[in-house]
C-alpha atoms as a PDB file:
ATOM      1  CA  MET A   1      70.523 118.521  81.268  1.00  0.00           C
ATOM      2  CA  ASN A   2      70.030 114.817  82.147  1.00  0.00           C
ATOM      3  CA  ASP A   3      70.929 114.751  85.232  1.00  0.00           C
ATOM      4  CA  GLU A   4      71.199 110.930  85.767  1.00  0.00           C
ATOM      5  CA  PRO A   5      74.851 110.813  84.034  1.00  0.00           C
ATOM      6  CA  SER A   6      75.896 112.957  86.897  1.00  0.00           C
ATOM      7  CA  ALA A   7      73.683 111.188  89.503  1.00  0.00           C
ATOM      8  CA  ARG A   8      75.461 108.258  89.380  1.00  0.00           C
ATOM      9  CA  PHE A   9      79.209 109.781  88.872  1.00  0.00           C
ATOM     10  CA  GLU A  10      78.161 110.867  92.458  1.00  0.00           C
ATOM     11  CA  ALA A  11      76.869 107.743  93.316  1.00  0.00           C
ATOM     12  CA  VAL A  12      79.990 106.428  92.401  1.00  0.00           C
ATOM     13  CA  TYR A  13      82.146 108.890  94.161  1.00  0.00           C
ATOM     14  CA  ARG A  14      80.949 109.062  97.673  1.00  0.00           C
ATOM     15  CA  GLU A  15      81.243 104.594  97.331  1.00  0.00           C
ATOM     16  CA  THR A  16      84.242 104.422  95.499  1.00  0.00           C
ATOM     17  CA  TYR A  17      85.972 107.959  96.603  1.00  0.00           C
ATOM     18  CA  GLY A  18      87.733 106.167 100.439  1.00  0.00           C
ATOM     19  CA  ARG A  19      89.034 103.069  98.929  1.00  0.00           C
ATOM     20  CA  LEU A  20      91.045 105.312  95.816  1.00  0.00           C
ATOM     21  CA  THR A  21      91.993 107.695  98.242  1.00  0.00           C
ATOM     22  CA  ALA A  22      93.687 104.992 100.246  1.00  0.00           C
ATOM     23  CA  TYR A  23      94.800 103.335  97.124  1.00  0.00           C
ATOM     24  CA  ALA A  24      96.591 105.978  95.707  1.00  0.00           C
ATOM     25  CA  VAL A  25      97.804 107.716  99.491  1.00  0.00           C
ATOM     26  CA  ARG A  26      99.544 104.363 100.122  1.00  0.00           C
ATOM     27  CA  ARG A  27     101.488 104.209  95.993  1.00  0.00           C
ATOM     28  CA  CYS A  28     102.587 107.441  95.884  1.00  0.00           C
ATOM     29  CA  ASP A  29     105.295 109.536  98.203  1.00  0.00           C
ATOM     30  CA  SER A  30     103.113 112.641  99.156  1.00  0.00           C
ATOM     31  CA  PRO A  31      99.349 113.180 100.128  1.00  0.00           C
ATOM     32  CA  HIS A  32      99.351 115.777  97.212  1.00  0.00           C
ATOM     33  CA  ASP A  33     100.519 113.126  94.768  1.00  0.00           C
ATOM     34  CA  ALA A  34      97.980 110.852  95.962  1.00  0.00           C
ATOM     35  CA  ALA A  35      94.769 113.485  95.727  1.00  0.00           C
ATOM     36  CA  ASP A  36      96.502 114.424  91.875  1.00  0.00           C
ATOM     37  CA  VAL A  37      95.855 110.704  90.973  1.00  0.00           C
ATOM     38  CA  VAL A  38      92.825 110.577  92.555  1.00  0.00           C
ATOM     39  CA  ALA A  39      91.481 113.727  90.586  1.00  0.00           C
ATOM     40  CA  GLU A  40      92.766 111.824  87.581  1.00  0.00           C
ATOM     41  CA  VAL A  41      91.064 108.682  88.526  1.00  0.00           C
ATOM     42  CA  PHE A  42      87.848 110.510  88.919  1.00  0.00           C
ATOM     43  CA  THR A  43      88.203 112.532  85.828  1.00  0.00           C
ATOM     44  CA  VAL A  44      88.927 109.407  84.147  1.00  0.00           C
ATOM     45  CA  ALA A  45      85.986 107.993  85.455  1.00  0.00           C
ATOM     46  CA  TRP A  46      83.403 110.897  84.271  1.00  0.00           C
ATOM     47  CA  ARG A  47      84.887 111.269  80.528  1.00  0.00           C
ATOM     48  CA  ARG A  48      84.044 107.246  80.418  1.00  0.00           C
ATOM     49  CA  LEU A  49      81.163 106.715  82.146  1.00  0.00           C
ATOM     50  CA  ASP A  50      79.572 104.886  79.709  1.00  0.00           C
ATOM     51  CA  ASP A  51      81.951 102.780  79.750  1.00  0.00           C
ATOM     52  CA  LEU A  52      82.413 102.552  83.791  1.00  0.00           C
ATOM     53  CA  PRO A  53      80.452  99.049  85.153  1.00  0.00           C
ATOM     54  CA  GLN A  54      77.451  99.311  87.307  1.00  0.00           C
ATOM     55  CA  GLY A  55      77.938  98.410  90.715  1.00  0.00           C
ATOM     56  CA  ASP A  56      80.451  96.665  93.055  1.00  0.00           C
ATOM     57  CA  GLU A  57      82.248  95.907  89.190  1.00  0.00           C
ATOM     58  CA  ALA A  58      83.062  99.797  89.302  1.00  0.00           C
ATOM     59  CA  VAL A  59      85.294 100.098  92.361  1.00  0.00           C
ATOM     60  CA  LEU A  60      87.890  97.066  90.493  1.00  0.00           C
ATOM     61  CA  TRP A  61      87.298  99.182  87.324  1.00  0.00           C
ATOM     62  CA  LEU A  62      88.302 102.526  89.149  1.00  0.00           C
ATOM     63  CA  TYR A  63      91.602  99.842  90.431  1.00  0.00           C
ATOM     64  CA  GLY A  64      92.176  99.486  87.167  1.00  0.00           C
ATOM     65  CA  VAL A  65      92.527 102.686  85.852  1.00  0.00           C
ATOM     66  CA  ALA A  66      94.164 104.043  89.519  1.00  0.00           C
ATOM     67  CA  ARG A  67      96.870 101.405  88.596  1.00  0.00           C
ATOM     68  CA  LYS A  68      97.166 103.182  85.131  1.00  0.00           C
ATOM     69  CA  VAL A  69      97.389 106.851  86.529  1.00  0.00           C
ATOM     70  CA  VAL A  70      99.818 105.644  89.519  1.00  0.00           C
ATOM     71  CA  ALA A  71     101.981 104.040  86.997  1.00  0.00           C
ATOM     72  CA  ASN A  72     101.783 107.408  84.464  1.00  0.00           C
ATOM     73  CA  HIS A  73     102.441 109.399  88.036  1.00  0.00           C
ATOM     74  CA  ARG A  74     105.921 107.164  88.804  1.00  0.00           C
ATOM     75  CA  ARG A  75     107.543 107.669  85.529  1.00  0.00           C
ATOM     76  CA  GLY A  76     107.092 111.395  84.947  1.00  0.00           C
ATOM     77  CA  GLU A  77     108.490 111.315  88.828  1.00  0.00           C
ATOM     78  CA  VAL A  78     111.500 108.975  87.716  1.00  0.00           C
ATOM     79  CA  ARG A  79     112.138 112.067  84.881  1.00  0.00           C
ATOM     80  CA  ARG A  80     112.167 114.510  87.104  1.00  0.00           C
ATOM     81  CA  GLN A  81     114.212 112.888  89.776  1.00  0.00           C
ATOM     82  CA  ALA A  82     116.645 112.674  86.773  1.00  0.00           C
ATOM     83  CA  ARG A  83     117.553 115.806  86.016  1.00  0.00           C
ATOM     84  CA  SER A  84     117.491 117.009  90.158  1.00  0.00           C
ATOM     85  CA  ALA A  85     119.498 113.937  90.477  1.00  0.00           C
ATOM     86  CA  PRO A  86     122.522 116.278  90.216  1.00  0.00           C
ATOM     87  CA  LEU A  87     121.315 118.625  92.798  1.00  0.00           C
ATOM     88  CA  ASP A  88     120.231 116.407  95.197  1.00  0.00           C
ATOM     89  CA  ALA A  89     123.803 114.751  95.526  1.00  0.00           C
ATOM     90  CA  GLU A  90     125.016 117.844  96.063  1.00  0.00           C
ATOM     91  CA  LEU A  91     122.946 119.167  98.361  1.00  0.00           C
ATOM     92  CA  THR A  92     123.437 116.008 100.359  1.00  0.00           C
ATOM     93  CA  ASP A  93     127.029 116.368 100.016  1.00  0.00           C
ATOM     94  CA  LEU A  94     126.885 119.871 101.644  1.00  0.00           C
ATOM     95  CA  TYR A  95     123.870 119.137 104.724  1.00  0.00           C
ATOM     96  CA  GLY A  96     124.266 115.319 105.433  1.00  0.00           C
ATOM     97  CA  ASP A  97     121.823 112.091 105.522  1.00  0.00           C
ATOM     98  CA  SER A  98     118.954 112.409 107.298  1.00  0.00           C
ATOM     99  CA  PRO A  99     118.016 109.919 110.357  1.00  0.00           C
ATOM    100  CA  GLU A 100     118.917 106.475 109.857  1.00  0.00           C
ATOM    101  CA  ARG A 101     115.370 104.554 109.772  1.00  0.00           C
ATOM    102  CA  GLY A 102     114.936 101.311 111.561  1.00  0.00           C
ATOM    103  CA  VAL A 103     117.032  98.113 109.745  1.00  0.00           C
ATOM    104  CA  GLU A 104     114.804  96.174 109.409  1.00  0.00           C
ATOM    105  CA  LEU A 105     111.717  98.406 107.958  1.00  0.00           C
ATOM    106  CA  THR A 106     114.217  99.699 105.584  1.00  0.00           C
ATOM    107  CA  ALA A 107     115.602  96.220 105.114  1.00  0.00           C
ATOM    108  CA  ILE A 108     111.598  95.031 103.834  1.00  0.00           C
ATOM    109  CA  GLY A 109     111.292  98.115 102.445  1.00  0.00           C
ATOM    110  CA  GLU A 110     113.978  97.770  99.947  1.00  0.00           C
ATOM    111  CA  ALA A 111     113.124  93.988  99.346  1.00  0.00           C
ATOM    112  CA  PHE A 112     109.590  94.861  98.303  1.00  0.00           C
ATOM    113  CA  ARG A 113     111.100  97.914  96.206  1.00  0.00           C
ATOM    114  CA  SER A 114     113.922  94.788  94.422  1.00  0.00           C
ATOM    115  CA  LEU A 115     110.241  93.604  93.028  1.00  0.00           C
ATOM    116  CA  SER A 116     108.998  94.015  89.745  1.00  0.00           C
ATOM    117  CA  ASP A 117     106.230  96.532  89.839  1.00  0.00           C
ATOM    118  CA  ASP A 118     103.896  94.038  88.702  1.00  0.00           C
ATOM    119  CA  ASP A 119     104.936  91.944  91.607  1.00  0.00           C
ATOM    120  CA  ARG A 120     104.369  94.987  94.448  1.00  0.00           C
ATOM    121  CA  GLU A 121     101.169  95.741  92.535  1.00  0.00           C
ATOM    122  CA  LEU A 122      99.657  92.228  93.122  1.00  0.00           C
ATOM    123  CA  LEU A 123     100.786  92.188  96.719  1.00  0.00           C
ATOM    124  CA  SER A 124      99.557  95.413  97.387  1.00  0.00           C
ATOM    125  CA  LEU A 125      96.227  94.845  96.086  1.00  0.00           C
ATOM    126  CA  VAL A 126      96.175  91.482  98.590  1.00  0.00           C
ATOM    127  CA  ALA A 127      97.852  93.064 101.218  1.00  0.00           C
ATOM    128  CA  TRP A 128      96.394  96.826 101.172  1.00  0.00           C
ATOM    129  CA  GLU A 129      93.804  96.873  99.440  1.00  0.00           C
ATOM    130  CA  GLY A 130      92.348  93.385 100.824  1.00  0.00           C
ATOM    131  CA  LEU A 131      90.966  92.456  96.914  1.00  0.00           C
ATOM    132  CA  SER A 132      90.335  88.660  96.636  1.00  0.00           C
ATOM    133  CA  ARG A 133      91.924  86.488  93.625  1.00  0.00           C
ATOM    134  CA  GLN A 134      88.336  87.127  91.417  1.00  0.00           C
ATOM    135  CA  GLU A 135      88.554  91.133  92.254  1.00  0.00           C
ATOM    136  CA  ILE A 136      91.712  91.348  91.609  1.00  0.00           C
ATOM    137  CA  ALA A 137      91.352  89.665  88.325  1.00  0.00           C
ATOM    138  CA  THR A 138      89.028  91.971  87.353  1.00  0.00           C
ATOM    139  CA  ALA A 139      91.035  95.384  88.459  1.00  0.00           C
ATOM    140  CA  LEU A 140      93.522  93.664  86.326  1.00  0.00           C
ATOM    141  CA  GLY A 141      92.153  92.524  83.163  1.00  0.00           C
ATOM    142  CA  LEU A 142      93.220  88.779  83.635  1.00  0.00           C
ATOM    143  CA  SER A 143      91.880  85.299  84.933  1.00  0.00           C
ATOM    144  CA  ARG A 144      91.833  84.140  88.344  1.00  0.00           C
ATOM    145  CA  ASN A 145      93.896  81.540  87.835  1.00  0.00           C
ATOM    146  CA  ALA A 146      96.871  83.748  86.109  1.00  0.00           C
ATOM    147  CA  VAL A 147      96.510  85.640  89.429  1.00  0.00           C
ATOM    148  CA  ARG A 148      97.190  82.655  91.494  1.00  0.00           C
ATOM    149  CA  ILE A 149     100.109  81.872  89.639  1.00  0.00           C
ATOM    150  CA  ARG A 150     101.272  85.273  89.584  1.00  0.00           C
ATOM    151  CA  LEU A 151     100.399  85.912  93.241  1.00  0.00           C
ATOM    152  CA  HIS A 152     102.015  82.815  94.494  1.00  0.00           C
ATOM    153  CA  ARG A 153     105.380  83.633  92.384  1.00  0.00           C
ATOM    154  CA  ALA A 154     105.293  87.416  93.622  1.00  0.00           C
ATOM    155  CA  ARG A 155     105.447  85.922  97.238  1.00  0.00           C
ATOM    156  CA  ARG A 156     108.027  84.192  96.613  1.00  0.00           C
ATOM    157  CA  ARG A 157     110.034  85.812  95.317  1.00  0.00           C
ATOM    158  CA  LEU A 158     109.199  88.208  97.846  1.00  0.00           C
ATOM    159  CA  SER A 159     110.236  85.747 100.470  1.00  0.00           C
ATOM    160  CA  ARG A 160     113.749  85.041  98.730  1.00  0.00           C
ATOM    161  CA  ALA A 161     114.178  88.856  98.438  1.00  0.00           C
ATOM    162  CA  LEU A 162     113.362  88.964 102.695  1.00  0.00           C
ATOM    163  CA  ALA A 163     115.630  85.913 103.159  1.00  0.00           C
ATOM    164  CA  GLU A 164     119.091  87.308 101.167  1.00  0.00           C
ATOM    165  CA  ALA A 165     118.224  90.944 103.293  1.00  0.00           C
ATOM    166  CA  GLY A 166     118.529  89.031 106.397  1.00  0.00           C
ATOM    167  CA  VAL A 167     114.485  88.976 107.198  1.00  0.00           C
ATOM    168  CA  HIS A 168     112.797  85.714 108.028  1.00  0.00           C
ATOM    169  CA  LEU A 169     109.606  85.027 108.068  1.00  0.00           C
ATOM    170  CA  THR A 170     108.140  83.202 111.370  1.00  0.00           C
ATOM    171  CA  SER A 171     105.061  81.605 112.369  1.00  0.00           C
ATOM    172  CA  ARG A 172     104.378  84.136 115.615  1.00  0.00           C
ATOM    173  CA  SER A 173     105.263  87.432 113.685  1.00  0.00           C
ATOM    174  CA  ARG A 174     105.195  87.240 110.237  1.00  0.00           C
ATOM    175  CA  LEU A 175     108.837  89.129 110.121  1.00  0.00           C
ATOM    176  CA  ALA A 176     111.268  89.301 111.883  1.00  0.00           C
ATOM    177  CA  PRO A 177     114.709  90.206 111.770  1.00  0.00           C
ATOM    178  CA  ALA A 178     117.890  87.597 111.072  1.00  0.00           C
ATOM    179  CA  GLY A 179     118.425  86.032 114.495  1.00  0.00           C
ATOM    180  CA  ARG A 180     116.060  87.257 116.625  1.00  0.00           C
ATOM    181  CA  SER A 181     111.731  86.767 116.735  1.00  0.00           C
ATOM    182  CA  LEU A 182     109.480  89.368 117.836  1.00  0.00           C
END
């Protein structure tokens, strides 16, 4: 048995597991879902080990795989939620609402969720993963210029959505509720 592929996979796994887990946790509703996503990403990596780039390109390739796995997971979740929506509505009517979260955080979350999947992914790769435009371009299979333009437009759409929700950007706080500076 040739140990070289196993050793290469183990090295990539050790180097990227934390980053990919953080990526999945920020995009999934539960830690269990995130664990499933990470497991699927590494399953794909093992099956396609010959396609996995060498060096720093490996994590970017795995981000691209993770993006697709998360998208598949979300589609499955939407289907499951659609099947359980009538029961959820009935239980909500019977047992009332959950405690309210902060108004500002709710408005920010709603503004972010109002964006397209592509806009949310671009903004998340910059803010949560700390990737550069070039790294995002590699992970998404786009040109650096396309990423620059799409990122600019995504930021503009997020700013517009935040303004419509009454959340305004300030130079001091970055995010502040309307009529209030933090």
